[in-house]
Protein backbone atom coordinates (compact mmCIF):
# COMPACT_ATOMS: atom_id res chain seq x y z
CA MET A 1 88.51 114.78 -36.25
CA ALA A 2 90.58 111.67 -35.54
CA LYS A 3 91.39 111.02 -31.91
CA VAL A 4 95.12 111.34 -31.32
CA ASN A 5 96.85 108.40 -29.65
CA SER A 6 100.41 109.15 -28.58
CA ALA A 7 101.46 105.45 -28.58
CA ALA A 8 104.03 104.48 -31.23
CA SER A 9 106.08 101.30 -31.44
CA LEU A 10 108.48 99.47 -33.71
CA VAL A 11 107.52 96.13 -35.31
CA GLY A 12 109.06 93.79 -37.84
CA TYR A 13 107.50 92.97 -41.22
CA GLY A 14 108.82 89.97 -43.11
CA LYS A 15 107.94 87.02 -45.35
CA VAL A 16 107.41 83.86 -43.28
CA PRO A 17 107.72 80.48 -45.09
CA ASP A 18 104.28 78.89 -45.70
CA LEU A 19 102.52 81.91 -44.14
CA GLY A 20 103.43 84.81 -46.39
CA TRP A 21 103.99 88.39 -45.20
CA ARG A 22 103.48 88.86 -41.48
CA ARG A 23 104.01 91.55 -38.83
CA GLY A 24 105.44 90.67 -35.45
CA GLY A 25 107.38 91.95 -32.47
CA LEU A 26 111.14 92.32 -32.47
CA ALA A 27 113.29 89.54 -31.04
CA LEU A 28 116.03 91.37 -29.12
CA ALA A 29 119.44 89.84 -28.49
CA LYS A 30 121.45 90.34 -25.26
CA ASN A 31 123.13 93.43 -26.77
CA GLY A 32 119.71 95.07 -27.15
CA LEU A 33 119.70 94.85 -30.92
CA PRO A 34 117.09 92.87 -32.93
CA LYS A 35 118.06 89.40 -34.06
CA PRO A 36 118.59 89.35 -37.85
CA ASN A 37 115.64 88.13 -40.00
CA THR A 38 113.54 87.28 -36.94
CA ILE A 39 110.11 88.36 -35.78
CA VAL A 40 107.97 87.24 -32.84
CA LEU A 41 104.60 85.67 -33.69
CA ASN A 42 102.32 84.37 -30.95
CA GLY A 43 105.19 84.39 -28.48
CA ARG A 44 107.51 82.40 -30.78
CA GLU A 45 110.57 83.60 -32.63
CA ILE A 46 110.12 82.95 -36.37
CA ILE A 47 112.73 83.23 -39.12
CA ALA A 48 111.51 85.51 -41.94
CA ASP A 49 112.91 86.83 -45.22
CA THR A 50 113.53 90.49 -46.13
CA VAL A 51 112.49 91.83 -42.72
CA GLN A 52 111.72 95.57 -42.68
CA PHE A 53 111.02 97.79 -39.68
CA GLN A 54 107.68 99.57 -39.41
CA ILE A 55 106.41 102.21 -36.99
CA ARG A 56 102.96 101.36 -35.69
CA THR A 57 100.64 104.12 -34.51
CA TYR A 58 96.89 104.30 -33.96
CA GLU A 59 94.14 106.53 -35.28
CA ASN A 60 90.79 105.95 -33.56
CA ARG A 61 92.07 102.54 -32.40
CA LYS A 62 92.99 101.59 -35.95
CA ALA A 63 96.60 100.55 -36.46
CA VAL A 64 98.59 102.55 -39.04
CA TYR A 65 101.95 101.25 -40.29
CA VAL A 66 104.77 103.20 -41.91
CA THR A 67 107.77 101.31 -43.32
CA VAL A 68 111.06 102.88 -42.20
CA GLY A 69 113.68 100.59 -43.77
CA SER A 70 115.92 97.77 -42.58
CA ASP A 71 118.44 99.78 -40.51
CA TYR A 72 117.48 99.40 -36.84
CA ARG A 73 119.29 102.50 -35.58
CA GLU A 74 117.62 104.75 -38.17
CA ALA A 75 114.25 103.13 -37.50
CA LYS A 76 114.64 103.65 -33.74
CA ALA A 77 115.62 107.30 -34.24
CA LEU A 78 112.51 107.84 -36.39
CA LEU A 79 110.42 106.11 -33.72
CA GLU A 80 111.71 108.42 -31.01
CA ARG A 81 110.93 111.49 -33.13
CA MET A 82 107.51 110.04 -33.88
CA GLN A 83 106.84 109.47 -30.18
CA VAL A 84 107.75 113.08 -29.36
CA THR A 85 105.59 114.30 -32.24
CA ARG A 86 102.63 112.19 -31.15
CA GLN A 87 102.93 113.40 -27.55
CA ARG A 88 103.00 116.98 -28.75
CA GLU A 89 99.97 116.38 -31.00
CA ALA A 90 98.09 114.77 -28.10
CA LEU A 91 98.80 117.86 -25.97
CA ASP A 92 97.81 120.19 -28.83
CA ALA A 93 94.56 118.28 -29.23
CA ARG A 94 93.72 118.74 -25.55
CA LEU A 95 94.50 122.49 -25.84
CA GLY A 96 92.50 122.79 -29.10
CA ILE A 97 95.55 123.68 -31.20
CA THR A 98 95.50 122.43 -34.84
CA LEU A 99 98.86 122.04 -36.60
CA PRO A 100 99.72 120.85 -40.15
CA LYS A 101 100.19 117.08 -40.51
CA SER A 102 103.71 115.76 -40.34
CA ALA A 103 105.40 114.02 -43.25
CA LEU A 104 105.15 110.68 -41.47
CA GLU A 105 101.43 111.15 -40.91
CA LEU A 106 100.91 112.01 -44.54
CA ALA A 107 102.95 108.94 -45.50
CA ALA A 108 100.83 106.81 -43.18
CA GLU A 109 97.64 108.12 -44.80
CA ASP A 110 99.03 107.39 -48.26
CA ALA A 111 99.95 103.86 -47.16
CA ASP A 112 96.45 103.34 -45.79
CA ARG A 113 94.85 104.52 -49.03
CA GLU A 114 97.19 102.27 -51.01
CA ALA A 115 96.21 99.27 -48.91
CA LYS A 116 92.50 99.91 -49.57
CA ARG A 117 93.00 100.52 -53.29
CA LYS A 118 91.74 97.71 -55.50
CA THR A 119 94.28 96.15 -57.83
CA LEU A 120 93.54 94.80 -61.29
CA LYS A 121 93.72 91.32 -59.79
CA ASP A 122 91.12 92.27 -57.15
CA TRP A 123 88.70 93.55 -59.81
CA VAL A 124 89.12 90.36 -61.85
CA ALA A 125 88.50 88.07 -58.87
CA GLU A 126 85.45 90.07 -57.78
CA TYR A 127 83.90 89.99 -61.26
CA ILE A 128 84.55 86.28 -61.87
CA ALA A 129 82.96 85.52 -58.48
CA THR A 130 79.70 87.04 -59.76
CA LYS A 131 79.66 84.51 -62.62
CA ASP A 132 79.12 81.41 -60.49
CA GLY A 133 77.29 78.49 -62.09
CA LEU A 134 78.38 79.16 -65.66
CA SER A 135 78.49 76.51 -68.36
CA ARG A 136 81.91 75.25 -69.40
CA HIS A 137 81.64 77.28 -72.59
CA SER A 138 81.00 80.49 -70.64
CA GLU A 139 83.76 79.71 -68.14
CA THR A 140 86.18 79.44 -71.05
CA LEU A 141 84.95 82.76 -72.42
CA TYR A 142 85.39 84.66 -69.12
CA LYS A 143 88.97 83.40 -68.80
CA CYS A 144 89.83 86.13 -71.29
CA ILE A 145 89.55 88.70 -68.47
CA PRO A 146 92.37 87.35 -66.23
CA HIS A 147 94.28 86.71 -69.46
CA PHE A 148 93.98 90.41 -70.32
CA ALA A 149 95.02 91.45 -66.80
CA GLY A 150 98.14 89.30 -67.02
CA HIS A 151 98.96 90.43 -70.54
CA CYS A 152 98.75 94.18 -69.90
CA GLY A 153 100.92 93.93 -66.77
CA LYS A 154 99.34 96.93 -65.03
CA ARG A 155 98.69 96.93 -61.28
CA TYR A 156 95.71 99.28 -61.15
CA LEU A 157 92.69 99.61 -63.39
CA GLU A 158 93.16 103.36 -63.88
CA ASP A 159 96.59 102.65 -65.42
CA VAL A 160 95.09 100.59 -68.26
CA THR A 161 95.22 102.30 -71.67
CA ALA A 162 93.64 101.74 -75.07
CA GLN A 163 97.03 100.50 -76.28
CA ASP A 164 96.92 97.73 -73.64
CA VAL A 165 93.59 96.58 -75.08
CA THR A 166 94.89 96.74 -78.65
CA ASN A 167 98.06 94.81 -77.78
CA TRP A 168 96.00 92.11 -76.07
CA TYR A 169 93.63 91.86 -79.03
CA ASN A 170 96.57 91.53 -81.43
CA SER A 171 97.98 88.75 -79.26
CA LEU A 172 94.72 86.82 -79.76
CA LYS A 173 95.10 87.22 -83.51
CA SER A 174 98.70 86.02 -83.39
CA ASP A 175 97.56 82.97 -81.41
CA ASP A 176 95.33 81.99 -84.36
CA TYR A 177 91.99 82.84 -82.79
CA ALA A 178 89.23 83.37 -85.35
CA GLN A 179 87.69 86.80 -85.92
CA ARG A 180 84.47 85.79 -84.18
CA THR A 181 86.40 84.62 -81.10
CA CYS A 182 88.46 87.82 -80.93
CA GLN A 183 85.35 89.98 -81.25
CA THR A 184 83.47 87.99 -78.60
CA ARG A 185 86.33 88.25 -76.12
CA TYR A 186 86.69 91.96 -76.76
CA SER A 187 82.97 92.41 -76.03
CA THR A 188 83.38 90.38 -72.83
CA LEU A 189 86.25 92.63 -71.78
CA ARG A 190 84.09 95.72 -72.32
CA GLY A 191 81.44 94.15 -70.07
CA TRP A 192 84.07 93.82 -67.35
CA PHE A 193 85.13 97.45 -67.83
CA LYS A 194 81.50 98.51 -67.35
CA TYR A 195 81.28 96.46 -64.13
CA CYS A 196 84.41 98.24 -62.84
CA GLY A 197 82.95 101.66 -63.62
CA VAL A 198 85.20 102.34 -66.61
CA ASN A 199 83.64 104.05 -69.63
CA SER A 200 84.90 101.98 -72.55
CA ASP A 201 83.86 104.66 -75.04
CA THR A 202 86.17 107.13 -73.29
CA LEU A 203 89.02 104.63 -72.91
CA ILE A 204 88.92 103.39 -76.51
CA ASP A 205 88.39 105.77 -79.43
CA SER A 206 85.65 105.00 -81.95
CA ALA A 207 88.02 104.04 -84.78
CA THR A 208 89.85 101.50 -82.61
CA HIS A 209 86.56 100.17 -81.24
CA LYS A 210 85.20 99.68 -84.75
CA ARG A 211 88.25 97.60 -85.68
CA LEU A 212 88.27 95.50 -82.51
CA ASN A 213 84.51 94.97 -82.52
CA LYS A 214 84.38 93.90 -86.16
CA LYS A 215 82.04 90.94 -86.53
CA PRO A 216 82.63 88.22 -89.11
CA ASP A 217 80.47 88.15 -92.20
CA PRO A 218 77.18 86.45 -91.21
CA GLN A 219 77.06 84.88 -94.67
CA THR A 220 79.23 81.92 -93.76
CA GLU A 221 81.49 80.40 -96.36
CA PRO A 222 82.00 76.62 -96.25
CA TYR A 223 85.11 74.70 -97.22
CA THR A 224 85.11 73.70 -100.87
CA GLN A 225 85.60 70.09 -101.90
CA ASP A 226 88.97 70.99 -103.42
CA GLU A 227 90.08 72.49 -100.09
CA LEU A 228 88.94 69.39 -98.22
CA ASP A 229 90.70 67.09 -100.69
CA ALA A 230 93.92 69.06 -100.23
CA LEU A 231 93.54 68.99 -96.44
CA PHE A 232 92.89 65.25 -96.21
CA ALA A 233 95.69 64.36 -98.61
CA GLY A 234 98.60 63.12 -96.54
CA CYS A 235 96.64 63.10 -93.24
CA ASP A 236 97.30 60.22 -90.89
CA LEU A 237 94.31 58.22 -89.63
CA TYR A 238 93.90 60.27 -86.44
CA ASN A 239 93.72 63.58 -88.28
CA ARG A 240 91.33 62.14 -90.84
CA VAL A 241 89.07 60.98 -88.02
CA VAL A 242 89.21 64.41 -86.33
CA PHE A 243 88.44 66.45 -89.43
CA THR A 244 85.82 64.02 -90.75
CA LEU A 245 84.06 63.93 -87.38
CA LEU A 246 83.82 67.73 -87.33
CA LEU A 247 82.74 67.86 -90.95
CA CYS A 248 80.10 65.12 -90.87
CA THR A 249 78.46 66.02 -87.55
CA GLY A 250 78.63 69.82 -87.24
CA LEU A 251 79.79 69.36 -83.64
CA ARG A 252 81.23 72.34 -81.84
CA GLU A 253 84.87 71.93 -80.87
CA GLN A 254 84.28 71.04 -77.20
CA GLU A 255 81.39 68.76 -78.11
CA ALA A 256 83.75 66.84 -80.37
CA THR A 257 86.68 66.72 -77.94
CA ASN A 258 84.41 65.41 -75.14
CA LEU A 259 82.59 62.87 -77.32
CA THR A 260 82.84 59.35 -75.89
CA TRP A 261 82.40 56.05 -77.70
CA ASN A 262 79.27 55.16 -75.75
CA GLN A 263 77.54 58.19 -77.31
CA ILE A 264 77.80 56.56 -80.72
CA LYS A 265 74.82 54.29 -81.40
CA TRP A 266 76.02 52.04 -84.19
CA LYS A 267 72.78 50.15 -84.79
CA GLU A 268 70.59 53.24 -84.78
CA ASN A 269 73.10 55.16 -86.94
CA LYS A 270 73.11 58.18 -84.69
CA ILE A 271 75.32 60.14 -82.31
CA VAL A 272 73.83 61.29 -79.01
CA VAL A 273 75.15 64.66 -77.80
CA LEU A 274 74.52 64.85 -74.05
CA GLY A 275 73.57 68.23 -72.61
CA GLU A 276 75.79 67.57 -69.60
CA HIS A 277 77.81 64.57 -68.45
CA GLU A 278 80.68 63.47 -66.22
CA VAL A 279 83.38 61.09 -67.38
CA TYR A 280 85.53 59.23 -64.86
CA VAL A 281 88.94 58.38 -66.26
CA PRO A 282 91.03 55.73 -64.45
CA GLY A 283 93.83 57.35 -62.44
CA ARG A 284 92.08 60.72 -62.10
CA LYS A 285 90.51 61.77 -58.81
CA LYS A 286 88.02 64.20 -60.33
CA PRO A 287 85.67 63.51 -63.24
CA ILE A 288 85.85 65.40 -66.53
CA VAL A 289 82.69 67.49 -66.58
CA PHE A 290 81.20 68.73 -69.83
CA LYS A 291 78.16 70.85 -70.63
CA THR A 292 77.01 71.97 -74.06
CA LYS A 293 76.68 75.65 -74.95
CA THR A 294 72.94 75.60 -74.31
CA GLY A 295 72.93 72.85 -71.68
CA LYS A 296 70.65 70.79 -73.93
CA GLY A 297 71.32 67.52 -75.72
CA ARG A 298 70.44 66.44 -79.26
CA GLU A 299 70.86 63.61 -81.75
CA ILE A 300 72.86 63.73 -84.98
CA PRO A 301 72.73 61.16 -87.81
CA LEU A 302 75.75 58.91 -88.18
CA PHE A 303 76.30 59.07 -91.92
CA GLU A 304 77.86 56.05 -93.57
CA SER A 305 80.97 57.99 -94.66
CA LEU A 306 81.78 58.77 -91.03
CA LYS A 307 80.63 55.42 -89.65
CA THR A 308 83.07 53.47 -91.82
CA LEU A 309 86.00 55.61 -90.68
CA LEU A 310 85.01 55.46 -87.00
CA LEU A 311 84.74 51.67 -87.10
CA GLU A 312 88.26 51.49 -88.48
CA TRP A 313 89.49 53.89 -85.77
CA ARG A 314 87.69 51.92 -83.04
CA LYS A 315 89.43 48.69 -84.07
CA GLN A 316 92.76 50.40 -83.47
CA ASN A 317 91.61 51.91 -80.15
CA PRO A 318 89.30 49.32 -78.57
CA LYS A 319 89.73 50.46 -74.95
CA THR A 320 89.73 54.25 -75.14
CA ILE A 321 86.96 56.40 -73.66
CA PHE A 322 87.11 59.47 -75.88
CA VAL A 323 86.68 59.18 -79.64
CA ILE A 324 89.41 61.68 -80.53
CA GLY A 325 91.21 61.86 -77.19
CA THR A 326 94.90 62.29 -76.53
CA LYS A 327 97.37 59.45 -76.03
CA ALA A 328 96.49 59.67 -72.32
CA ASP A 329 92.81 59.29 -73.31
CA LEU A 330 91.80 62.82 -72.30
CA PRO A 331 89.95 65.50 -74.31
CA ASN A 332 92.31 66.97 -76.91
CA THR A 333 92.35 70.75 -76.42
CA HIS A 334 94.79 71.39 -79.28
CA LEU A 335 92.67 70.60 -82.33
CA LEU A 336 93.06 74.12 -83.73
CA ARG A 337 96.84 73.78 -83.54
CA THR A 338 96.54 70.43 -85.32
CA LEU A 339 94.51 72.01 -88.13
CA LYS A 340 96.86 74.98 -88.51
CA ARG A 341 99.90 72.72 -88.74
CA ARG A 342 98.23 70.54 -91.35
CA VAL A 343 97.23 73.63 -93.38
CA ALA A 344 100.79 74.97 -93.20
CA ALA A 345 102.28 71.61 -94.20
CA ALA A 346 99.95 71.38 -97.20
CA GLU A 347 100.60 75.06 -98.11
CA LEU A 348 96.86 75.82 -98.11
CA GLY A 349 97.07 79.29 -96.57
CA CYS A 350 95.83 82.37 -98.41
CA GLY A 351 99.25 84.03 -98.04
CA THR A 352 97.81 87.48 -97.37
CA CYS A 353 96.18 87.42 -93.92
CA TYR A 354 97.77 88.39 -90.60
CA ALA A 355 98.30 84.77 -89.53
CA CYS A 356 99.96 83.83 -92.83
CA ALA A 357 102.30 86.81 -92.54
CA ALA A 358 103.21 85.73 -88.99
CA GLN A 359 103.57 82.13 -90.21
CA THR A 360 101.18 80.89 -87.54
CA GLY A 361 98.57 79.39 -89.87
CA CYS A 362 95.80 81.01 -91.89
CA GLU A 363 92.68 82.87 -90.78
CA ALA A 364 90.65 81.19 -93.52
CA TRP A 365 91.07 77.82 -91.79
CA TYR A 366 89.42 77.29 -88.41
CA LEU A 367 87.52 74.51 -86.66
CA HIS A 368 84.10 76.16 -86.62
CA LYS A 369 84.19 76.31 -90.41
CA PHE A 370 83.63 72.53 -90.49
CA ARG A 371 80.33 73.23 -88.73
CA HIS A 372 79.49 75.83 -91.39
CA THR A 373 80.26 73.29 -94.10
CA PHE A 374 78.08 70.67 -92.41
CA ALA A 375 75.17 73.11 -92.31
CA HIS A 376 75.54 74.21 -95.93
CA ARG A 377 75.73 70.67 -97.26
CA CYS A 378 72.87 69.36 -95.18
CA LEU A 379 70.59 72.26 -96.12
CA ASP A 380 71.07 71.29 -99.75
CA LYS A 381 69.50 67.90 -98.98
CA PHE A 382 67.38 68.19 -95.83
CA THR A 383 64.80 70.59 -94.41
CA ILE A 384 65.90 73.57 -92.34
CA HIS A 385 63.89 72.26 -89.37
CA GLN A 386 65.86 69.00 -89.35
CA VAL A 387 69.25 70.65 -89.78
CA SER A 388 68.45 73.16 -87.05
CA LYS A 389 67.84 70.30 -84.61
CA TRP A 390 71.10 68.61 -85.60
CA LEU A 391 73.04 71.83 -85.04
CA GLY A 392 71.34 72.50 -81.70
CA HIS A 393 70.22 75.99 -82.71
CA SER A 394 67.67 77.84 -80.59
CA SER A 395 65.76 79.14 -83.62
CA LEU A 396 65.44 78.69 -87.37
CA GLU A 397 66.65 82.25 -87.82
CA VAL A 398 70.13 81.20 -86.69
CA THR A 399 70.14 78.25 -89.08
CA SER A 400 68.92 80.37 -91.99
CA ILE A 401 72.31 82.06 -92.43
CA TYR A 402 73.51 78.77 -93.91
CA LEU A 403 70.59 78.47 -96.30
CA SER A 404 71.84 78.18 -99.87
CA GLY A 405 69.83 75.43 -101.50
CA THR A 406 66.61 73.42 -101.49
CA PRO A 407 65.87 70.00 -99.97
CA LYS A 408 66.43 67.06 -102.31
CA GLU A 409 67.44 63.41 -102.11
CA ALA A 410 66.64 63.23 -98.41
CA ASP A 411 68.08 59.72 -98.12
CA ALA A 412 71.47 60.66 -99.59
CA ASP A 413 74.74 60.93 -97.72
CA PRO A 414 75.96 64.52 -98.25
CA PHE A 415 79.50 63.55 -97.21
CA ALA A 416 80.05 60.50 -99.39
CA GLN A 417 82.95 62.19 -101.22
CA ALA A 418 84.31 64.21 -98.29
CA ALA A 419 86.54 61.73 -96.49
């Protein structure tokens, strides 16, 4: 049983500039009334916004606060009643008399429980803190969790519904994310639910789960030459460089956006993908840090079709650091948007998918598909072992999904007609 303390006092609770919400004593004027929007902190009178009065009591030496509004006279009247009640309860406790809890006590207990209750934001921060030391790729993936929390707009985890998950998933689709990306982020969200003690199978019915967890067809389909011709037609030099680089190297998006000119070895006809590197850009205090998906580096051949185009691009940009950087010479994080706009301008969309209906692009066109195309074309001319190394795959089994031909003409350039 909690030890009853008859002490009760009135304090102010307000938002102090640069400090946030704080509790403090009341600054009384000569007329005995509190000074407006003022609380006392560390012996100093501080101006605060939206000051409310709170009654402070103690349970086993722990302070309990109950907000009683902004009217001083009403707050003081409640305090006096509280003091009488506490004195009576202290006397009852000494006499061994147990009485029902007062409304104010019940309110104080509710307020205490509310203060200890984890919010959605608390759960997100706690989970992300357990993922320290992730690669940049994984960090990007786990950002989907705070994104979900902000999108659903709920304060507590138990208020989240299956509809919140569905609405968030649909927002990813409307933002032109590929099916694989949507499915991966949904799986990541379910991992977070499990960490929080939420049974995803109970929260989300099986039919909805089957739709949201739908994986893309493992039999990847490359871009056709006709599609590439239509895409490149009308492209300016920058876009041609971007799309040709992705096509002729099989680089992942972030590998391409973080590629620097010193990674291109002109004489050796190869591109060196570093497992991890830091790039210091003039005018920036912190370096741009990049790490591949696996943390390992590899080498990719610099085919003549790409080399010719890159040399032309380098002549126009002799002092830049990044090969396909922005005008400020930083990694371009909007390549997908660039592709979607080009597809829309060339009217290359399928006209039937969700993205086409929303006029935000086309699901059939995405950056990773250039990597698929690279793999398919190279496997028609090189061994699977060689192509697997170029792609940076961990096993031949992963590379085998692209297998559609037999090695031939090993010295040929498979992209001679692409750009």
